[in-house]
Amino acid sequence: MKYLLSIAILALVVATGCTYDVDEDLSPNCSDIENVSYSAEVALILSANCNSCHSPAGGNLGGIRLDNYDAVKIWVNNGRLLGAIKHQAGFSAMPKNAAKLPACSISKIAAWINNGAPNN
């Protein structure tokens, strides 16, 4: 009986210790959100999460394009980009019918906007 209990405890420890968390929040890249660049980070986040709907190839749903700096800047300037990705009240939550972007991605976009949304 002790032997079975020991095996059960060992199995439980192994099972709970062997998880793989893919959440960006655990990424060391999220620690530096002061120097976020459009081309190296923001564009990649938008491309991976938004351009399937908001680009010419995706059909420019809602008349919104997010596949180039000038198009993104329009939605930054009117405040709708950040409100949508933060799922704030009064905004259409994006991505549509999906979970919010990882907190790290939202933080990077917010930091870039707070730094004047430069085309860098």
PDB file of N, CA and C in Angstrom:
ATOM      1  N   MET A   1       0.821  -1.193   0.000  1.00  0.00           N
ATOM      2  CA  MET A   1       0.000   0.000   0.000  1.00  0.00           C
ATOM      3  C   MET A   1       0.867   1.260   0.000  1.00  0.00           C
ATOM      4  N   LYS A   2       1.953   1.248   0.827  1.00  0.00           N
ATOM      5  CA  LYS A   2       2.875   2.389   0.845  1.00  0.00           C
ATOM      6  C   LYS A   2       3.506   2.597  -0.523  1.00  0.00           C
ATOM      7  N   TYR A   3       3.805   1.477  -1.160  1.00  0.00           N
ATOM      8  CA  TYR A   3       4.429   1.534  -2.482  1.00  0.00           C
ATOM      9  C   TYR A   3       3.484   2.210  -3.484  1.00  0.00           C
ATOM     10  N   LEU A   4       2.224   1.866  -3.496  1.00  0.00           N
ATOM     11  CA  LEU A   4       1.247   2.462  -4.409  1.00  0.00           C
ATOM     12  C   LEU A   4       1.034   3.945  -4.102  1.00  0.00           C
ATOM     13  N   LEU A   5       0.997   4.266  -2.813  1.00  0.00           N
ATOM     14  CA  LEU A   5       0.845   5.668  -2.420  1.00  0.00           C
ATOM     15  C   LEU A   5       2.051   6.485  -2.867  1.00  0.00           C
ATOM     16  N   SER A   6       3.231   5.940  -2.735  1.00  0.00           N
ATOM     17  CA  SER A   6       4.457   6.632  -3.178  1.00  0.00           C
ATOM     18  C   SER A   6       4.448   6.854  -4.677  1.00  0.00           C
ATOM     19  N   ILE A   7       4.024   5.864  -5.411  1.00  0.00           N
ATOM     20  CA  ILE A   7       3.950   5.984  -6.879  1.00  0.00           C
ATOM     21  C   ILE A   7       2.908   7.031  -7.263  1.00  0.00           C
ATOM     22  N   ALA A   8       1.768   7.033  -6.582  1.00  0.00           N
ATOM     23  CA  ALA A   8       0.718   8.009  -6.876  1.00  0.00           C
ATOM     24  C   ALA A   8       1.205   9.427  -6.599  1.00  0.00           C
ATOM     25  N   ILE A   9       1.894   9.618  -5.486  1.00  0.00           N
ATOM     26  CA  ILE A   9       2.418  10.958  -5.158  1.00  0.00           C
ATOM     27  C   ILE A   9       3.466  11.375  -6.172  1.00  0.00           C
ATOM     28  N   LEU A  10       4.363  10.454  -6.526  1.00  0.00           N
ATOM     29  CA  LEU A  10       5.389  10.761  -7.527  1.00  0.00           C
ATOM     30  C   LEU A  10       4.753  11.111  -8.869  1.00  0.00           C
ATOM     31  N   ALA A  11       3.738  10.369  -9.278  1.00  0.00           N
ATOM     32  CA  ALA A  11       3.042  10.654 -10.538  1.00  0.00           C
ATOM     33  C   ALA A  11       2.384  12.024 -10.500  1.00  0.00           C
ATOM     34  N   LEU A  12       1.792  12.366  -9.368  1.00  0.00           N
ATOM     35  CA  LEU A  12       1.158  13.679  -9.227  1.00  0.00           C
ATOM     36  C   LEU A  12       2.179  14.801  -9.316  1.00  0.00           C
ATOM     37  N   VAL A  13       3.321  14.627  -8.659  1.00  0.00           N
ATOM     38  CA  VAL A  13       4.381  15.637  -8.712  1.00  0.00           C
ATOM     39  C   VAL A  13       4.893  15.800 -10.129  1.00  0.00           C
ATOM     40  N   VAL A  14       5.117  14.701 -10.817  1.00  0.00           N
ATOM     41  CA  VAL A  14       5.613  14.762 -12.191  1.00  0.00           C
ATOM     42  C   VAL A  14       4.580  15.415 -13.104  1.00  0.00           C
ATOM     43  N   ALA A  15       3.319  15.027 -12.955  1.00  0.00           N
ATOM     44  CA  ALA A  15       2.267  15.566 -13.822  1.00  0.00           C
ATOM     45  C   ALA A  15       2.079  17.062 -13.629  1.00  0.00           C
ATOM     46  N   THR A  16       2.149  17.548 -12.408  1.00  0.00           N
ATOM     47  CA  THR A  16       1.946  18.982 -12.175  1.00  0.00           C
ATOM     48  C   THR A  16       3.211  19.783 -12.436  1.00  0.00           C
ATOM     49  N   GLY A  17       4.341  19.151 -12.408  1.00  0.00           N
ATOM     50  CA  GLY A  17       5.601  19.862 -12.629  1.00  0.00           C
ATOM     51  C   GLY A  17       5.991  19.943 -14.077  1.00  0.00           C
ATOM     52  N   CYS A  18       5.320  19.211 -14.922  1.00  0.00           N
ATOM     53  CA  CYS A  18       5.709  19.158 -16.326  1.00  0.00           C
ATOM     54  C   CYS A  18       4.713  19.893 -17.207  1.00  0.00           C
ATOM     55  N   THR A  19       4.381  21.098 -16.841  1.00  0.00           N
ATOM     56  CA  THR A  19       3.491  21.878 -17.683  1.00  0.00           C
ATOM     57  C   THR A  19       4.333  22.808 -18.531  1.00  0.00           C
ATOM     58  N   TYR A  20       3.819  23.153 -19.661  1.00  0.00           N
ATOM     59  CA  TYR A  20       4.504  24.062 -20.564  1.00  0.00           C
ATOM     60  C   TYR A  20       3.585  25.238 -20.790  1.00  0.00           C
ATOM     61  N   ASP A  21       3.961  26.372 -20.308  1.00  0.00           N
ATOM     62  CA  ASP A  21       3.134  27.572 -20.413  1.00  0.00           C
ATOM     63  C   ASP A  21       3.638  28.403 -21.572  1.00  0.00           C
ATOM     64  N   VAL A  22       2.784  28.634 -22.562  1.00  0.00           N
ATOM     65  CA  VAL A  22       3.186  29.391 -23.736  1.00  0.00           C
ATOM     66  C   VAL A  22       2.769  30.852 -23.643  1.00  0.00           C
ATOM     67  N   ASP A  23       2.255  31.265 -22.523  1.00  0.00           N
ATOM     68  CA  ASP A  23       1.806  32.646 -22.354  1.00  0.00           C
ATOM     69  C   ASP A  23       2.969  33.611 -22.503  1.00  0.00           C
ATOM     70  N   GLU A  24       2.797  34.600 -23.344  1.00  0.00           N
ATOM     71  CA  GLU A  24       3.851  35.585 -23.573  1.00  0.00           C
ATOM     72  C   GLU A  24       4.239  36.334 -22.309  1.00  0.00           C
ATOM     73  N   ASP A  25       3.344  36.377 -21.327  1.00  0.00           N
ATOM     74  CA  ASP A  25       3.647  37.116 -20.109  1.00  0.00           C
ATOM     75  C   ASP A  25       4.884  36.576 -19.408  1.00  0.00           C
ATOM     76  N   LEU A  26       5.228  35.327 -19.662  1.00  0.00           N
ATOM     77  CA  LEU A  26       6.388  34.737 -19.020  1.00  0.00           C
ATOM     78  C   LEU A  26       7.666  34.984 -19.807  1.00  0.00           C
ATOM     79  N   SER A  27       7.539  35.576 -20.951  1.00  0.00           N
ATOM     80  CA  SER A  27       8.685  35.819 -21.819  1.00  0.00           C
ATOM     81  C   SER A  27       9.571  36.922 -21.261  1.00  0.00           C
ATOM     82  N   PRO A  28      10.900  36.715 -21.285  1.00  0.00           N
ATOM     83  CA  PRO A  28      11.790  37.772 -20.825  1.00  0.00           C
ATOM     84  C   PRO A  28      11.716  39.016 -21.707  1.00  0.00           C
ATOM     85  N   ASN A  29      11.219  38.888 -22.943  1.00  0.00           N
ATOM     86  CA  ASN A  29      11.102  40.030 -23.840  1.00  0.00           C
ATOM     87  C   ASN A  29      10.069  41.039 -23.359  1.00  0.00           C
ATOM     88  N   CYS A  30       9.212  40.649 -22.425  1.00  0.00           N
ATOM     89  CA  CYS A  30       8.186  41.555 -21.945  1.00  0.00           C
ATOM     90  C   CYS A  30       8.709  42.492 -20.868  1.00  0.00           C
ATOM     91  N   SER A  31       9.889  42.227 -20.375  1.00  0.00           N
ATOM     92  CA  SER A  31      10.429  43.069 -19.311  1.00  0.00           C
ATOM     93  C   SER A  31      10.837  44.449 -19.824  1.00  0.00           C
ATOM     94  N   ASP A  32      11.172  44.560 -21.093  1.00  0.00           N
ATOM     95  CA  ASP A  32      11.582  45.849 -21.648  1.00  0.00           C
ATOM     96  C   ASP A  32      10.500  46.379 -22.572  1.00  0.00           C
ATOM     97  N   ILE A  33       9.535  47.077 -21.987  1.00  0.00           N
ATOM     98  CA  ILE A  33       8.470  47.636 -22.822  1.00  0.00           C
ATOM     99  C   ILE A  33       8.663  49.131 -23.031  1.00  0.00           C
ATOM    100  N   GLU A  34       9.769  49.651 -22.572  1.00  0.00           N
ATOM    101  CA  GLU A  34      10.040  51.078 -22.758  1.00  0.00           C
ATOM    102  C   GLU A  34      10.557  51.384 -24.158  1.00  0.00           C
ATOM    103  N   ASN A  35      11.190  50.430 -24.792  1.00  0.00           N
ATOM    104  CA  ASN A  35      11.806  50.656 -26.103  1.00  0.00           C
ATOM    105  C   ASN A  35      11.158  49.811 -27.186  1.00  0.00           C
ATOM    106  N   VAL A  36       9.852  49.817 -27.217  1.00  0.00           N
ATOM    107  CA  VAL A  36       9.112  49.014 -28.194  1.00  0.00           C
ATOM    108  C   VAL A  36       9.157  49.707 -29.546  1.00  0.00           C
ATOM    109  N   SER A  37       9.443  48.927 -30.577  1.00  0.00           N
ATOM    110  CA  SER A  37       9.470  49.506 -31.924  1.00  0.00           C
ATOM    111  C   SER A  37       8.307  48.948 -32.739  1.00  0.00           C
ATOM    112  N   TYR A  38       7.821  49.773 -33.647  1.00  0.00           N
ATOM    113  CA  TYR A  38       6.723  49.344 -34.510  1.00  0.00           C
ATOM    114  C   TYR A  38       7.152  48.154 -35.363  1.00  0.00           C
ATOM    115  N   SER A  39       8.261  48.294 -36.063  1.00  0.00           N
ATOM    116  CA  SER A  39       8.654  47.265 -37.028  1.00  0.00           C
ATOM    117  C   SER A  39       9.069  45.948 -36.367  1.00  0.00           C
ATOM    118  N   ALA A  40       9.726  46.020 -35.219  1.00  0.00           N
ATOM    119  CA  ALA A  40      10.238  44.796 -34.599  1.00  0.00           C
ATOM    120  C   ALA A  40       9.217  44.097 -33.714  1.00  0.00           C
ATOM    121  N   GLU A  41       8.235  44.831 -33.183  1.00  0.00           N
ATOM    122  CA  GLU A  41       7.314  44.199 -32.247  1.00  0.00           C
ATOM    123  C   GLU A  41       5.848  44.428 -32.577  1.00  0.00           C
ATOM    124  N   VAL A  42       5.433  45.676 -32.664  1.00  0.00           N
ATOM    125  CA  VAL A  42       4.010  45.973 -32.862  1.00  0.00           C
ATOM    126  C   VAL A  42       3.501  45.375 -34.173  1.00  0.00           C
ATOM    127  N   ALA A  43       4.219  45.579 -35.245  1.00  0.00           N
ATOM    128  CA  ALA A  43       3.788  45.048 -36.544  1.00  0.00           C
ATOM    129  C   ALA A  43       3.687  43.524 -36.508  1.00  0.00           C
ATOM    130  N   LEU A  44       4.597  42.881 -35.797  1.00  0.00           N
ATOM    131  CA  LEU A  44       4.555  41.419 -35.701  1.00  0.00           C
ATOM    132  C   LEU A  44       3.345  40.944 -34.904  1.00  0.00           C
ATOM    133  N   ILE A  45       3.032  41.637 -33.820  1.00  0.00           N
ATOM    134  CA  ILE A  45       1.861  41.285 -33.015  1.00  0.00           C
ATOM    135  C   ILE A  45       0.592  41.447 -33.843  1.00  0.00           C
ATOM    136  N   LEU A  46       0.488  42.575 -34.536  1.00  0.00           N
ATOM    137  CA  LEU A  46      -0.701  42.825 -35.358  1.00  0.00           C
ATOM    138  C   LEU A  46      -0.796  41.836 -36.510  1.00  0.00           C
ATOM    139  N   SER A  47       0.338  41.535 -37.120  1.00  0.00           N
ATOM    140  CA  SER A  47       0.346  40.586 -38.226  1.00  0.00           C
ATOM    141  C   SER A  47      -0.134  39.210 -37.777  1.00  0.00           C
ATOM    142  N   ALA A  48       0.327  38.776 -36.619  1.00  0.00           N
ATOM    143  CA  ALA A  48      -0.037  37.451 -36.119  1.00  0.00           C
ATOM    144  C   ALA A  48      -1.480  37.370 -35.637  1.00  0.00           C
ATOM    145  N   ASN A  49      -2.046  38.499 -35.208  1.00  0.00           N
ATOM    146  CA  ASN A  49      -3.355  38.450 -34.557  1.00  0.00           C
ATOM    147  C   ASN A  49      -4.471  39.200 -35.268  1.00  0.00           C
ATOM    148  N   CYS A  50      -4.131  40.102 -36.166  1.00  0.00           N
ATOM    149  CA  CYS A  50      -5.151  40.987 -36.734  1.00  0.00           C
ATOM    150  C   CYS A  50      -5.263  40.925 -38.255  1.00  0.00           C
ATOM    151  N   ASN A  51      -4.159  40.660 -38.916  1.00  0.00           N
ATOM    152  CA  ASN A  51      -4.141  40.805 -40.369  1.00  0.00           C
ATOM    153  C   ASN A  51      -4.922  39.741 -41.121  1.00  0.00           C
ATOM    154  N   SER A  52      -5.309  38.669 -40.451  1.00  0.00           N
ATOM    155  CA  SER A  52      -6.144  37.684 -41.144  1.00  0.00           C
ATOM    156  C   SER A  52      -7.512  38.280 -41.479  1.00  0.00           C
ATOM    157  N   CYS A  53      -7.907  39.334 -40.763  1.00  0.00           N
ATOM    158  CA  CYS A  53      -9.172  40.025 -41.027  1.00  0.00           C
ATOM    159  C   CYS A  53      -8.969  41.458 -41.508  1.00  0.00           C
ATOM    160  N   HIS A  54      -7.932  42.119 -41.005  1.00  0.00           N
ATOM    161  CA  HIS A  54      -7.754  43.555 -41.240  1.00  0.00           C
ATOM    162  C   HIS A  54      -6.563  43.855 -42.136  1.00  0.00           C
ATOM    163  N   SER A  55      -6.609  43.275 -43.336  1.00  0.00           N
ATOM    164  CA  SER A  55      -5.615  43.527 -44.379  1.00  0.00           C
ATOM    165  C   SER A  55      -6.304  43.279 -45.711  1.00  0.00           C
ATOM    166  N   PRO A  56      -5.716  43.711 -46.811  1.00  0.00           N
ATOM    167  CA  PRO A  56      -6.351  43.428 -48.105  1.00  0.00           C
ATOM    168  C   PRO A  56      -6.595  41.928 -48.313  1.00  0.00           C
ATOM    169  N   ALA A  57      -5.658  41.098 -47.898  1.00  0.00           N
ATOM    170  CA  ALA A  57      -5.821  39.651 -48.057  1.00  0.00           C
ATOM    171  C   ALA A  57      -6.947  39.119 -47.173  1.00  0.00           C
ATOM    172  N   GLY A  58      -7.177  39.764 -46.046  1.00  0.00           N
ATOM    173  CA  GLY A  58      -8.221  39.330 -45.120  1.00  0.00           C
ATOM    174  C   GLY A  58      -9.563  39.970 -45.373  1.00  0.00           C
ATOM    175  N   GLY A  59      -9.636  40.852 -46.345  1.00  0.00           N
ATOM    176  CA  GLY A  59     -10.900  41.476 -46.711  1.00  0.00           C
ATOM    177  C   GLY A  59     -11.168  42.818 -46.055  1.00  0.00           C
ATOM    178  N   ASN A  60     -10.202  43.366 -45.304  1.00  0.00           N
ATOM    179  CA  ASN A  60     -10.365  44.675 -44.656  1.00  0.00           C
ATOM    180  C   ASN A  60     -11.691  44.762 -43.909  1.00  0.00           C
ATOM    181  N   LEU A  61     -11.977  43.772 -43.082  1.00  0.00           N
ATOM    182  CA  LEU A  61     -13.247  43.738 -42.371  1.00  0.00           C
ATOM    183  C   LEU A  61     -13.486  45.025 -41.597  1.00  0.00           C
ATOM    184  N   GLY A  62     -14.688  45.518 -41.691  1.00  0.00           N
ATOM    185  CA  GLY A  62     -15.061  46.762 -41.017  1.00  0.00           C
ATOM    186  C   GLY A  62     -14.382  47.978 -41.619  1.00  0.00           C
ATOM    187  N   GLY A  63     -13.782  47.810 -42.792  1.00  0.00           N
ATOM    188  CA  GLY A  63     -13.054  48.922 -43.413  1.00  0.00           C
ATOM    189  C   GLY A  63     -11.780  49.273 -42.652  1.00  0.00           C
ATOM    190  N   ILE A  64     -11.297  48.338 -41.857  1.00  0.00           N
ATOM    191  CA  ILE A  64     -10.126  48.590 -41.016  1.00  0.00           C
ATOM    192  C   ILE A  64      -8.939  47.799 -41.539  1.00  0.00           C
ATOM    193  N   ARG A  65      -7.861  48.530 -41.776  1.00  0.00           N
ATOM    194  CA  ARG A  65      -6.601  47.888 -42.163  1.00  0.00           C
ATOM    195  C   ARG A  65      -5.596  48.082 -41.040  1.00  0.00           C
ATOM    196  N   LEU A  66      -4.860  47.021 -40.769  1.00  0.00           N
ATOM    197  CA  LEU A  66      -3.819  47.081 -39.742  1.00  0.00           C
ATOM    198  C   LEU A  66      -2.527  46.453 -40.259  1.00  0.00           C
ATOM    199  N   ASP A  67      -2.340  46.508 -41.574  1.00  0.00           N
ATOM    200  CA  ASP A  67      -1.192  45.833 -42.173  1.00  0.00           C
ATOM    201  C   ASP A  67      -0.041  46.766 -42.533  1.00  0.00           C
ATOM    202  N   ASN A  68      -0.146  48.045 -42.190  1.00  0.00           N
ATOM    203  CA  ASN A  68       0.967  48.962 -42.434  1.00  0.00           C
ATOM    204  C   ASN A  68       0.885  50.114 -41.433  1.00  0.00           C
ATOM    205  N   TYR A  69       1.998  50.789 -41.252  1.00  0.00           N
ATOM    206  CA  TYR A  69       2.088  51.824 -40.224  1.00  0.00           C
ATOM    207  C   TYR A  69       1.027  52.907 -40.394  1.00  0.00           C
ATOM    208  N   ASP A  70       0.874  53.457 -41.587  1.00  0.00           N
ATOM    209  CA  ASP A  70      -0.075  54.565 -41.798  1.00  0.00           C
ATOM    210  C   ASP A  70      -1.501  54.151 -41.451  1.00  0.00           C
ATOM    211  N   ALA A  71      -1.869  52.927 -41.789  1.00  0.00           N
ATOM    212  CA  ALA A  71      -3.214  52.443 -41.485  1.00  0.00           C
ATOM    213  C   ALA A  71      -3.387  52.242 -39.975  1.00  0.00           C
ATOM    214  N   VAL A  72      -2.382  51.690 -39.323  1.00  0.00           N
ATOM    215  CA  VAL A  72      -2.443  51.471 -37.873  1.00  0.00           C
ATOM    216  C   VAL A  72      -2.531  52.805 -37.152  1.00  0.00           C
ATOM    217  N   LYS A  73      -1.780  53.780 -37.611  1.00  0.00           N
ATOM    218  CA  LYS A  73      -1.718  55.089 -36.953  1.00  0.00           C
ATOM    219  C   LYS A  73      -3.101  55.751 -36.887  1.00  0.00           C
ATOM    220  N   ILE A  74      -3.937  55.530 -37.879  1.00  0.00           N
ATOM    221  CA  ILE A  74      -5.304  56.070 -37.871  1.00  0.00           C
ATOM    222  C   ILE A  74      -6.054  55.564 -36.636  1.00  0.00           C
ATOM    223  N   TRP A  75      -5.943  54.267 -36.363  1.00  0.00           N
ATOM    224  CA  TRP A  75      -6.669  53.651 -35.255  1.00  0.00           C
ATOM    225  C   TRP A  75      -6.001  53.940 -33.914  1.00  0.00           C
ATOM    226  N   VAL A  76      -4.722  54.245 -33.946  1.00  0.00           N
ATOM    227  CA  VAL A  76      -4.037  54.691 -32.727  1.00  0.00           C
ATOM    228  C   VAL A  76      -4.525  56.091 -32.375  1.00  0.00           C
ATOM    229  N   ASN A  77      -4.554  56.979 -33.374  1.00  0.00           N
ATOM    230  CA  ASN A  77      -4.915  58.377 -33.140  1.00  0.00           C
ATOM    231  C   ASN A  77      -6.351  58.547 -32.643  1.00  0.00           C
ATOM    232  N   ASN A  78      -7.262  57.687 -33.096  1.00  0.00           N
ATOM    233  CA  ASN A  78      -8.639  57.841 -32.634  1.00  0.00           C
ATOM    234  C   ASN A  78      -8.924  57.015 -31.373  1.00  0.00           C
ATOM    235  N   GLY A  79      -7.904  56.333 -30.853  1.00  0.00           N
ATOM    236  CA  GLY A  79      -8.023  55.593 -29.605  1.00  0.00           C
ATOM    237  C   GLY A  79      -8.680  54.234 -29.704  1.00  0.00           C
ATOM    238  N   ARG A  80      -9.080  53.863 -30.894  1.00  0.00           N
ATOM    239  CA  ARG A  80      -9.836  52.624 -31.033  1.00  0.00           C
ATOM    240  C   ARG A  80      -8.974  51.365 -30.993  1.00  0.00           C
ATOM    241  N   LEU A  81      -7.712  51.454 -31.395  1.00  0.00           N
ATOM    242  CA  LEU A  81      -6.877  50.257 -31.389  1.00  0.00           C
ATOM    243  C   LEU A  81      -6.687  49.728 -29.967  1.00  0.00           C
ATOM    244  N   LEU A  82      -6.245  50.581 -29.087  1.00  0.00           N
ATOM    245  CA  LEU A  82      -5.973  50.149 -27.720  1.00  0.00           C
ATOM    246  C   LEU A  82      -7.258  49.744 -26.985  1.00  0.00           C
ATOM    247  N   GLY A  83      -8.327  50.493 -27.178  1.00  0.00           N
ATOM    248  CA  GLY A  83      -9.601  50.140 -26.548  1.00  0.00           C
ATOM    249  C   GLY A  83     -10.098  48.781 -27.006  1.00  0.00           C
ATOM    250  N   ALA A  84      -9.923  48.479 -28.286  1.00  0.00           N
ATOM    251  CA  ALA A  84     -10.389  47.197 -28.832  1.00  0.00           C
ATOM    252  C   ALA A  84      -9.559  46.032 -28.320  1.00  0.00           C
ATOM    253  N   ILE A  85      -8.235  46.174 -28.302  1.00  0.00           N
ATOM    254  CA  ILE A  85      -7.421  45.034 -27.873  1.00  0.00           C
ATOM    255  C   ILE A  85      -7.444  44.845 -26.358  1.00  0.00           C
ATOM    256  N   LYS A  86      -7.820  45.901 -25.623  1.00  0.00           N
ATOM    257  CA  LYS A  86      -7.967  45.763 -24.167  1.00  0.00           C
ATOM    258  C   LYS A  86      -9.365  45.276 -23.785  1.00  0.00           C
ATOM    259  N   HIS A  87     -10.244  45.126 -24.779  1.00  0.00           N
ATOM    260  CA  HIS A  87     -11.637  44.710 -24.561  1.00  0.00           C
ATOM    261  C   HIS A  87     -12.347  45.676 -23.613  1.00  0.00           C
ATOM    262  N   GLN A  88     -12.106  46.971 -23.797  1.00  0.00           N
ATOM    263  CA  GLN A  88     -12.730  47.985 -22.946  1.00  0.00           C
ATOM    264  C   GLN A  88     -14.179  48.218 -23.361  1.00  0.00           C
ATOM    265  N   ALA A  89     -14.988  48.620 -22.381  1.00  0.00           N
ATOM    266  CA  ALA A  89     -16.388  48.924 -22.648  1.00  0.00           C
ATOM    267  C   ALA A  89     -16.484  50.039 -23.692  1.00  0.00           C
ATOM    268  N   GLY A  90     -17.429  49.906 -24.601  1.00  0.00           N
ATOM    269  CA  GLY A  90     -17.638  50.904 -25.632  1.00  0.00           C
ATOM    270  C   GLY A  90     -16.823  50.652 -26.895  1.00  0.00           C
ATOM    271  N   PHE A  91     -16.013  49.589 -26.889  1.00  0.00           N
ATOM    272  CA  PHE A  91     -15.195  49.244 -28.047  1.00  0.00           C
ATOM    273  C   PHE A  91     -15.553  47.834 -28.508  1.00  0.00           C
ATOM    274  N   SER A  92     -15.364  47.584 -29.785  1.00  0.00           N
ATOM    275  CA  SER A  92     -15.561  46.243 -30.307  1.00  0.00           C
ATOM    276  C   SER A  92     -14.337  45.413 -29.927  1.00  0.00           C
ATOM    277  N   ALA A  93     -14.525  44.433 -29.040  1.00  0.00           N
ATOM    278  CA  ALA A  93     -13.410  43.626 -28.537  1.00  0.00           C
ATOM    279  C   ALA A  93     -12.736  42.856 -29.666  1.00  0.00           C
ATOM    280  N   MET A  94     -11.431  43.000 -29.727  1.00  0.00           N
ATOM    281  CA  MET A  94     -10.641  42.325 -30.751  1.00  0.00           C
ATOM    282  C   MET A  94      -9.527  41.534 -30.097  1.00  0.00           C
ATOM    283  N   PRO A  95      -9.176  40.408 -30.686  1.00  0.00           N
ATOM    284  CA  PRO A  95      -9.762  39.763 -31.853  1.00  0.00           C
ATOM    285  C   PRO A  95     -11.216  39.349 -31.589  1.00  0.00           C
ATOM    286  N   LYS A  96     -12.011  39.474 -32.622  1.00  0.00           N
ATOM    287  CA  LYS A  96     -13.441  39.211 -32.515  1.00  0.00           C
ATOM    288  C   LYS A  96     -13.695  37.754 -32.133  1.00  0.00           C
ATOM    289  N   ASN A  97     -14.587  37.574 -31.176  1.00  0.00           N
ATOM    290  CA  ASN A  97     -14.982  36.243 -30.700  1.00  0.00           C
ATOM    291  C   ASN A  97     -13.790  35.404 -30.254  1.00  0.00           C
ATOM    292  N   ALA A  98     -12.794  36.059 -29.692  1.00  0.00           N
ATOM    293  CA  ALA A  98     -11.605  35.348 -29.218  1.00  0.00           C
ATOM    294  C   ALA A  98     -11.139  35.979 -27.913  1.00  0.00           C
ATOM    295  N   ALA A  99     -10.242  35.279 -27.267  1.00  0.00           N
ATOM    296  CA  ALA A  99      -9.666  35.795 -26.032  1.00  0.00           C
ATOM    297  C   ALA A  99      -8.826  37.030 -26.331  1.00  0.00           C
ATOM    298  N   LYS A 100      -8.659  37.832 -25.303  1.00  0.00           N
ATOM    299  CA  LYS A 100      -7.794  39.002 -25.401  1.00  0.00           C
ATOM    300  C   LYS A 100      -6.381  38.569 -25.761  1.00  0.00           C
ATOM    301  N   LEU A 101      -5.657  39.459 -26.408  1.00  0.00           N
ATOM    302  CA  LEU A 101      -4.243  39.197 -26.664  1.00  0.00           C
ATOM    303  C   LEU A 101      -3.536  39.003 -25.328  1.00  0.00           C
ATOM    304  N   PRO A 102      -2.402  38.323 -25.329  1.00  0.00           N
ATOM    305  CA  PRO A 102      -1.645  38.184 -24.078  1.00  0.00           C
ATOM    306  C   PRO A 102      -1.306  39.563 -23.499  1.00  0.00           C
ATOM    307  N   ALA A 103      -1.266  39.634 -22.188  1.00  0.00           N
ATOM    308  CA  ALA A 103      -0.998  40.907 -21.503  1.00  0.00           C
ATOM    309  C   ALA A 103       0.306  41.536 -21.978  1.00  0.00           C
ATOM    310  N   CYS A 104       1.302  40.727 -22.260  1.00  0.00           N
ATOM    311  CA  CYS A 104       2.580  41.258 -22.726  1.00  0.00           C
ATOM    312  C   CYS A 104       2.411  41.979 -24.067  1.00  0.00           C
ATOM    313  N   SER A 105       1.660  41.398 -24.973  1.00  0.00           N
ATOM    314  CA  SER A 105       1.422  42.029 -26.280  1.00  0.00           C
ATOM    315  C   SER A 105       0.683  43.349 -26.119  1.00  0.00           C
ATOM    316  N   ILE A 106      -0.338  43.353 -25.275  1.00  0.00           N
ATOM    317  CA  ILE A 106      -1.093  44.587 -25.030  1.00  0.00           C
ATOM    318  C   ILE A 106      -0.188  45.640 -24.403  1.00  0.00           C
ATOM    319  N   SER A 107       0.652  45.231 -23.457  1.00  0.00           N
ATOM    320  CA  SER A 107       1.572  46.171 -22.810  1.00  0.00           C
ATOM    321  C   SER A 107       2.550  46.774 -23.810  1.00  0.00           C
ATOM    322  N   LYS A 108       3.033  45.964 -24.728  1.00  0.00           N
ATOM    323  CA  LYS A 108       3.965  46.470 -25.747  1.00  0.00           C
ATOM    324  C   LYS A 108       3.281  47.491 -26.647  1.00  0.00           C
ATOM    325  N   ILE A 109       2.081  47.181 -27.086  1.00  0.00           N
ATOM    326  CA  ILE A 109       1.359  48.117 -27.954  1.00  0.00           C
ATOM    327  C   ILE A 109       1.045  49.398 -27.191  1.00  0.00           C
ATOM    328  N   ALA A 110       0.609  49.271 -25.953  1.00  0.00           N
ATOM    329  CA  ALA A 110       0.300  50.462 -25.139  1.00  0.00           C
ATOM    330  C   ALA A 110       1.547  51.312 -24.912  1.00  0.00           C
ATOM    331  N   ALA A 111       2.677  50.684 -24.640  1.00  0.00           N
ATOM    332  CA  ALA A 111       3.917  51.425 -24.428  1.00  0.00           C
ATOM    333  C   ALA A 111       4.326  52.147 -25.706  1.00  0.00           C
ATOM    334  N   TRP A 112       4.191  51.481 -26.832  1.00  0.00           N
ATOM    335  CA  TRP A 112       4.524  52.105 -28.114  1.00  0.00           C
ATOM    336  C   TRP A 112       3.627  53.317 -28.362  1.00  0.00           C
ATOM    337  N   ILE A 113       2.343  53.182 -28.087  1.00  0.00           N
ATOM    338  CA  ILE A 113       1.404  54.301 -28.254  1.00  0.00           C
ATOM    339  C   ILE A 113       1.762  55.431 -27.287  1.00  0.00           C
ATOM    340  N   ASN A 114       2.030  55.080 -26.043  1.00  0.00           N
ATOM    341  CA  ASN A 114       2.377  56.106 -25.039  1.00  0.00           C
ATOM    342  C   ASN A 114       3.677  56.839 -25.365  1.00  0.00           C
ATOM    343  N   ASN A 115       4.527  56.212 -26.160  1.00  0.00           N
ATOM    344  CA  ASN A 115       5.763  56.843 -26.595  1.00  0.00           C
ATOM    345  C   ASN A 115       5.591  57.617 -27.905  1.00  0.00           C
ATOM    346  N   GLY A 116       4.347  57.845 -28.292  1.00  0.00           N
ATOM    347  CA  GLY A 116       4.069  58.637 -29.485  1.00  0.00           C
ATOM    348  C   GLY A 116       3.847  57.821 -30.743  1.00  0.00           C
ATOM    349  N   ALA A 117       3.791  56.508 -30.627  1.00  0.00           N
ATOM    350  CA  ALA A 117       3.577  55.610 -31.770  1.00  0.00           C
ATOM    351  C   ALA A 117       4.503  55.930 -32.937  1.00  0.00           C
ATOM    352  N   PRO A 118       5.819  55.921 -32.687  1.00  0.00           N
ATOM    353  CA  PRO A 118       6.755  56.269 -33.768  1.00  0.00           C
ATOM    354  C   PRO A 118       6.825  55.195 -34.847  1.00  0.00           C
ATOM    355  N   ASN A 119       7.166  55.610 -36.027  1.00  0.00           N
ATOM    356  CA  ASN A 119       7.353  54.692 -37.148  1.00  0.00           C
ATOM    357  C   ASN A 119       8.811  54.224 -37.117  1.00  0.00           C
ATOM    358  N   ASN A 120       9.089  53.351 -36.180  1.00  0.00           N
ATOM    359  CA  ASN A 120      10.474  52.891 -36.000  1.00  0.00           C
ATOM    360  C   ASN A 120      10.585  51.394 -36.172  1.00  0.00           C
TER     361      ASN A 120
END
